[in-house]
């Protein structure tokens, strides 16, 4: 049910076959596994090592980085501070750490008060920032390359989306799911952006709900990325692509994952693409859409 796509096919002479398989995956389950991708193993090992060190810190050292004190979607997300499935009444047990596009404090976009433009928050851990930023850049490159394949599937120029991801609102999120217990690791939700690229440690827990289907476990394939469609890309394609609900059940053992959410530039217009028919949704900018989704995730009393 979850297709496996080999990125090297796209790079080495079978781009048309890869694009056709990509299109079927995006119109069907909205999820696929990407093998032989362009994120080096050393960077993946580095980011999981950085996450291990950060989540092992005592809360007193993480508290100054609390994302609820930061208007730019950066920093530490304590367990129990998010509710991705608000209708369920459950709060997520997961703990996370968010990294955005790295900007200097005197960057004109920060000084101008542009939405979600701020400095990253870093713990006092040697090499932590370097590991995060190296992985961020590699995932950004892989994500935008995949958007070129998406454009081809939709009958557009391969460069169609290039202007929407030059300085994106993309977020790198390190995730820690504590073992056992009741509740939910992460409630049922769809992602906000265009594509999500997820690396996991192999511990089960991630499930998807395909259109017309039932909750299904996402298999683990060593060194593969789990890639899924987000709501911005579903809106762009006028619901041709599926932004599929997914959740994380409480794992038996602690679970680590690293997600890269490829959200577009703040001023990128998310509107029905040419050839997709009468618009299902009104146009919205990348920043306005991200703000609306984050406001629904964080309740006012947390």
Protein backbone atom coordinates (compact mmCIF):
# COMPACT_ATOMS: atom_id res chain seq x y z
CA UNK A 1 0.00 0.00 0.00
CA UNK A 2 2.94 2.36 0.62
CA UNK A 3 4.95 2.47 -2.65
CA UNK A 4 8.76 2.40 -2.73
CA UNK A 5 10.40 4.87 -5.15
CA UNK A 6 14.10 4.85 -6.04
CA UNK A 7 15.45 8.40 -6.45
CA UNK A 8 18.33 7.16 -8.58
CA UNK A 9 15.83 6.23 -11.29
CA UNK A 10 15.02 9.92 -11.65
CA UNK A 11 18.69 10.85 -11.87
CA UNK A 12 19.96 8.09 -14.14
CA UNK A 13 17.81 7.78 -17.21
CA UNK A 14 14.35 6.68 -16.07
CA UNK A 15 12.95 10.03 -15.01
CA UNK A 16 9.68 9.42 -16.86
CA UNK A 17 9.10 6.11 -15.05
CA UNK A 18 9.90 7.68 -11.68
CA UNK A 19 7.55 10.61 -12.34
CA UNK A 20 4.72 8.24 -13.32
CA UNK A 21 5.16 6.22 -10.12
CA UNK A 22 5.38 9.43 -8.09
CA UNK A 23 2.12 10.66 -9.56
CA UNK A 24 0.33 7.44 -8.68
CA UNK A 25 1.63 7.59 -5.11
CA UNK A 26 0.62 11.24 -4.69
CA UNK A 27 -2.89 10.63 -6.06
CA UNK A 28 -3.33 7.43 -4.06
CA UNK A 29 -1.98 6.91 -0.54
CA UNK A 30 -0.24 10.30 -0.45
CA UNK A 31 2.77 8.53 1.10
CA UNK A 32 5.79 6.75 -0.34
CA UNK A 33 9.21 5.50 0.75
CA UNK A 34 12.15 7.13 -1.04
CA UNK A 35 15.28 5.02 -1.36
CA UNK A 36 18.74 6.07 -2.59
CA UNK A 37 17.95 9.68 -1.79
CA UNK A 38 20.48 12.49 -1.68
CA UNK A 39 20.76 13.05 2.09
CA UNK A 40 24.12 11.52 3.12
CA UNK A 41 24.06 8.81 5.77
CA UNK A 42 26.63 10.74 7.80
CA UNK A 43 24.23 13.70 8.11
CA UNK A 44 21.38 11.42 9.15
CA UNK A 45 23.58 9.78 11.80
CA UNK A 46 24.65 13.22 12.96
CA UNK A 47 21.13 14.56 13.38
CA UNK A 48 19.94 11.49 15.29
CA UNK A 49 22.96 11.82 17.57
CA UNK A 50 22.18 15.50 18.13
CA UNK A 51 18.56 14.65 18.95
CA UNK A 52 19.64 11.97 21.43
CA UNK A 53 21.82 14.46 23.28
CA UNK A 54 19.18 17.19 23.32
CA UNK A 55 16.30 15.08 24.57
CA UNK A 56 18.52 13.66 27.32
CA UNK A 57 18.94 17.14 28.81
CA UNK A 58 17.03 17.94 32.02
CA UNK A 59 13.93 20.06 31.54
CA UNK A 60 15.55 22.99 33.32
CA UNK A 61 18.05 23.28 30.45
CA UNK A 62 15.38 22.95 27.76
CA UNK A 63 12.82 25.30 29.33
CA UNK A 64 14.49 28.58 28.16
CA UNK A 65 14.03 27.33 24.58
CA UNK A 66 10.26 26.73 24.94
CA UNK A 67 8.54 27.29 21.59
CA UNK A 68 5.55 28.87 23.33
CA UNK A 69 7.71 31.89 24.13
CA UNK A 70 8.80 32.26 20.52
CA UNK A 71 6.61 33.72 17.73
CA UNK A 72 8.74 32.21 14.96
CA UNK A 73 7.95 28.47 15.35
CA UNK A 74 11.41 27.65 16.71
CA UNK A 75 12.59 25.90 19.84
CA UNK A 76 11.62 23.13 22.23
CA UNK A 77 8.12 21.61 22.23
CA UNK A 78 7.46 20.04 25.66
CA UNK A 79 5.47 16.83 25.84
CA UNK A 80 1.76 17.55 26.23
CA UNK A 81 1.93 21.04 24.70
CA UNK A 82 0.44 20.15 21.30
CA UNK A 83 -2.86 18.64 20.26
CA UNK A 84 -2.72 17.72 16.59
CA UNK A 85 -6.13 16.06 16.82
CA UNK A 86 -8.01 18.58 18.93
CA UNK A 87 -11.36 16.88 18.30
CA UNK A 88 -10.16 13.77 20.14
CA UNK A 89 -9.57 15.64 23.39
CA UNK A 90 -6.10 14.06 23.61
CA UNK A 91 -2.83 15.93 23.84
CA UNK A 92 0.27 14.58 22.13
CA UNK A 93 2.81 12.82 24.32
CA UNK A 94 5.68 13.60 21.96
CA UNK A 95 8.50 16.04 22.63
CA UNK A 96 10.10 17.99 19.78
CA UNK A 97 12.62 20.63 18.77
CA UNK A 98 12.09 22.95 15.79
CA UNK A 99 14.73 24.58 13.56
CA UNK A 100 13.90 27.07 10.81
CA UNK A 101 15.79 28.78 8.01
CA UNK A 102 18.94 30.05 9.70
CA UNK A 103 19.10 33.85 9.69
CA UNK A 104 21.44 36.33 11.36
CA UNK A 105 19.92 38.70 13.96
CA UNK A 106 20.50 41.66 11.62
CA UNK A 107 18.91 39.99 8.59
CA UNK A 108 16.62 42.56 6.90
CA UNK A 109 13.71 40.11 7.01
CA UNK A 110 13.98 39.85 10.76
CA UNK A 111 14.36 43.61 11.20
CA UNK A 112 11.31 44.18 9.00
CA UNK A 113 9.22 41.84 11.16
CA UNK A 114 8.36 39.42 8.35
CA UNK A 115 6.19 36.50 9.51
CA UNK A 116 8.06 33.54 11.00
CA UNK A 117 11.43 35.18 10.35
CA UNK A 118 13.57 34.90 13.47
CA UNK A 119 16.81 33.47 14.79
CA UNK A 120 17.06 29.83 15.72
CA UNK A 121 17.30 28.89 19.39
CA UNK A 122 20.18 26.60 20.30
CA UNK A 123 20.97 24.54 23.40
CA UNK A 124 24.48 24.65 24.85
CA UNK A 125 25.58 21.44 23.12
CA UNK A 126 28.76 21.36 21.07
CA UNK A 127 28.05 20.71 17.41
CA UNK A 128 24.27 20.60 17.81
CA UNK A 129 23.60 23.61 15.59
CA UNK A 130 26.04 22.42 12.92
CA UNK A 131 24.39 18.98 12.75
CA UNK A 132 20.92 20.52 12.47
CA UNK A 133 21.84 23.06 9.80
CA UNK A 134 23.75 20.57 7.66
CA UNK A 135 20.78 18.20 7.67
CA UNK A 136 18.34 21.08 7.06
CA UNK A 137 20.20 22.18 3.93
CA UNK A 138 20.44 18.63 2.54
CA UNK A 139 16.74 17.95 3.15
CA UNK A 140 15.84 21.31 1.57
CA UNK A 141 17.77 20.38 -1.57
CA UNK A 142 16.16 16.93 -1.75
CA UNK A 143 12.69 18.36 -1.16
CA UNK A 144 12.97 21.01 -3.86
CA UNK A 145 14.36 18.42 -6.28
CA UNK A 146 11.28 16.28 -5.61
CA UNK A 147 9.09 19.30 -6.34
CA UNK A 148 10.65 19.37 -9.79
CA UNK A 149 9.43 15.80 -10.31
CA UNK A 150 6.01 16.82 -8.97
CA UNK A 151 5.86 19.64 -11.53
CA UNK A 152 6.61 17.19 -14.34
CA UNK A 153 3.85 14.87 -13.17
CA UNK A 154 1.39 17.76 -13.28
CA UNK A 155 2.41 18.71 -16.81
CA UNK A 156 4.29 21.83 -15.74
CA UNK A 157 7.82 23.06 -16.31
CA UNK A 158 10.27 21.26 -13.98
CA UNK A 159 11.20 24.71 -12.64
CA UNK A 160 7.60 25.72 -11.92
CA UNK A 161 7.92 25.62 -8.13
CA UNK A 162 11.48 26.97 -7.90
CA UNK A 163 10.39 30.50 -7.01
CA UNK A 164 8.23 29.26 -4.12
CA UNK A 165 11.07 27.63 -2.17
CA UNK A 166 13.97 30.11 -2.37
CA UNK A 167 13.76 31.08 1.34
CA UNK A 168 11.06 28.77 2.64
CA UNK A 169 9.24 28.55 5.93
CA UNK A 170 10.52 24.98 6.09
CA UNK A 171 10.95 23.44 9.52
CA UNK A 172 13.31 20.72 10.68
CA UNK A 173 11.72 18.94 13.63
CA UNK A 174 13.50 16.48 15.92
CA UNK A 175 10.98 14.20 17.64
CA UNK A 176 11.03 12.00 20.73
CA UNK A 177 8.15 9.68 21.62
CA UNK A 178 8.32 8.21 25.15
CA UNK A 179 7.51 4.50 25.41
CA UNK A 180 4.29 2.92 26.61
CA UNK A 181 1.54 4.63 28.52
CA UNK A 182 -1.90 5.69 27.35
CA UNK A 183 -2.96 8.51 25.10
CA UNK A 184 -1.42 9.17 21.72
CA UNK A 185 2.12 9.85 20.54
CA UNK A 186 0.89 12.30 17.90
CA UNK A 187 -2.80 12.73 17.12
CA UNK A 188 -4.32 12.19 13.70
CA UNK A 189 -3.48 15.11 11.42
CA UNK A 190 -2.35 16.18 8.01
CA UNK A 191 0.85 18.14 7.48
CA UNK A 192 0.79 21.81 6.59
CA UNK A 193 3.31 22.29 3.81
CA UNK A 194 4.12 20.85 0.40
CA UNK A 195 6.17 17.74 1.22
CA UNK A 196 7.35 16.08 4.43
CA UNK A 197 10.60 14.09 4.45
CA UNK A 198 10.80 11.84 7.50
CA UNK A 199 13.73 9.77 8.76
CA UNK A 200 12.93 7.23 11.49
CA UNK A 201 14.86 4.98 13.84
CA UNK A 202 12.83 1.90 12.89
CA UNK A 203 10.62 1.78 15.97
CA UNK A 204 6.99 1.20 14.81
CA UNK A 205 4.18 3.62 15.54
CA UNK A 206 3.49 5.69 12.41
CA UNK A 207 0.15 4.92 10.76
CA UNK A 208 -1.66 6.43 7.74
CA UNK A 209 -5.33 6.57 6.76
CA UNK A 210 -5.53 6.43 2.94
CA UNK A 211 -8.60 7.68 1.10
CA UNK A 212 -11.33 5.06 1.52
CA UNK A 213 -9.03 2.82 3.57
CA UNK A 214 -8.22 1.91 7.16
CA UNK A 215 -5.36 2.84 9.48
CA UNK A 216 -2.24 1.18 8.11
CA UNK A 217 1.25 0.84 9.58
CA UNK A 218 4.00 2.55 7.60
CA UNK A 219 6.81 0.02 7.14
CA UNK A 220 10.42 0.82 7.95
CA UNK A 221 12.99 0.46 5.20
CA UNK A 222 16.59 1.00 6.27
CA UNK A 223 17.94 4.40 5.16
CA UNK A 224 14.75 5.25 3.25
CA UNK A 225 12.80 8.45 3.80
CA UNK A 226 9.07 8.42 4.41
CA UNK A 227 7.66 11.15 2.14
CA UNK A 228 4.11 12.46 2.28
CA UNK A 229 1.99 15.16 0.70
CA UNK A 230 1.04 18.19 2.82
CA UNK A 231 -2.00 20.42 2.65
CA UNK A 232 -0.34 23.22 0.67
CA UNK A 233 0.46 20.83 -2.17
CA UNK A 234 -3.02 19.32 -2.02
CA UNK A 235 -4.44 22.86 -2.34
CA UNK A 236 -2.07 23.67 -5.21
CA UNK A 237 -3.26 20.54 -7.05
CA UNK A 238 -6.93 21.24 -6.34
CA UNK A 239 -7.24 18.01 -4.33
CA UNK A 240 -5.70 15.87 -7.10
CA UNK A 241 -2.95 14.90 -4.68
CA UNK A 242 -3.87 13.44 -1.30
CA UNK A 243 -2.72 14.97 1.98
CA UNK A 244 -3.33 11.85 4.01
CA UNK A 245 -4.16 11.81 7.74
CA UNK A 246 -1.56 10.06 9.85
CA UNK A 247 -0.80 9.52 13.53
CA UNK A 248 1.81 8.00 15.84
CA UNK A 249 0.71 5.41 18.33
CA UNK A 250 2.60 5.20 21.66
CA UNK A 251 5.66 3.04 20.89
CA UNK A 252 6.75 0.04 22.95
CA UNK A 253 10.24 1.50 23.18
CA UNK A 254 11.28 5.12 22.88
CA UNK A 255 10.99 6.33 19.31
CA UNK A 256 13.06 8.98 17.53
CA UNK A 257 12.32 10.55 14.18
CA UNK A 258 13.47 13.59 12.22
CA UNK A 259 10.94 15.40 10.03
CA UNK A 260 11.63 18.07 7.44
CA UNK A 261 8.50 20.01 6.53
CA UNK A 262 8.95 21.79 3.20
CA UNK A 263 6.65 24.79 3.61
CA UNK A 264 6.82 27.44 0.87
CA UNK A 265 8.11 31.02 1.04
CA UNK A 266 6.00 33.44 3.13
CA UNK A 267 4.70 35.31 0.09
CA UNK A 268 4.25 32.28 -2.17
CA UNK A 269 0.67 32.08 -3.43
CA UNK A 270 -1.03 28.74 -2.88
CA UNK A 271 -3.66 28.70 -5.63
CA UNK A 272 -5.03 26.10 -8.03
CA UNK A 273 -2.40 25.16 -10.60
CA UNK A 274 -3.05 25.47 -14.34
CA UNK A 275 -4.99 22.55 -15.73
CA UNK A 276 -6.47 21.42 -12.40
CA UNK A 277 -9.97 22.79 -12.97
CA UNK A 278 -12.14 25.25 -11.06
CA UNK A 279 -10.47 26.19 -7.76
CA UNK A 280 -11.65 24.24 -4.74
CA UNK A 281 -9.93 26.64 -2.30
CA UNK A 282 -9.34 30.41 -2.28
CA UNK A 283 -5.74 31.56 -2.78
CA UNK A 284 -3.64 31.98 0.36
CA UNK A 285 -0.04 32.91 1.03
CA UNK A 286 2.40 30.48 2.59
CA UNK A 287 2.69 32.58 5.76
CA UNK A 288 -1.05 33.04 6.23
CA UNK A 289 -1.72 29.35 5.85
CA UNK A 290 1.05 28.30 8.24
CA UNK A 291 -0.20 30.78 10.84
CA UNK A 292 -3.74 29.42 10.63
CA UNK A 293 -2.57 25.85 11.19
CA UNK A 294 -0.21 26.64 14.07
CA UNK A 295 -2.89 28.62 15.89
CA UNK A 296 -5.11 25.54 15.79
CA UNK A 297 -2.32 23.32 17.19
CA UNK A 298 -1.35 25.38 20.24
CA UNK A 299 -4.21 26.08 22.63
CA UNK A 300 -4.32 29.45 24.37
CA UNK A 301 -3.90 28.02 27.86
CA UNK A 302 -0.62 26.20 27.10
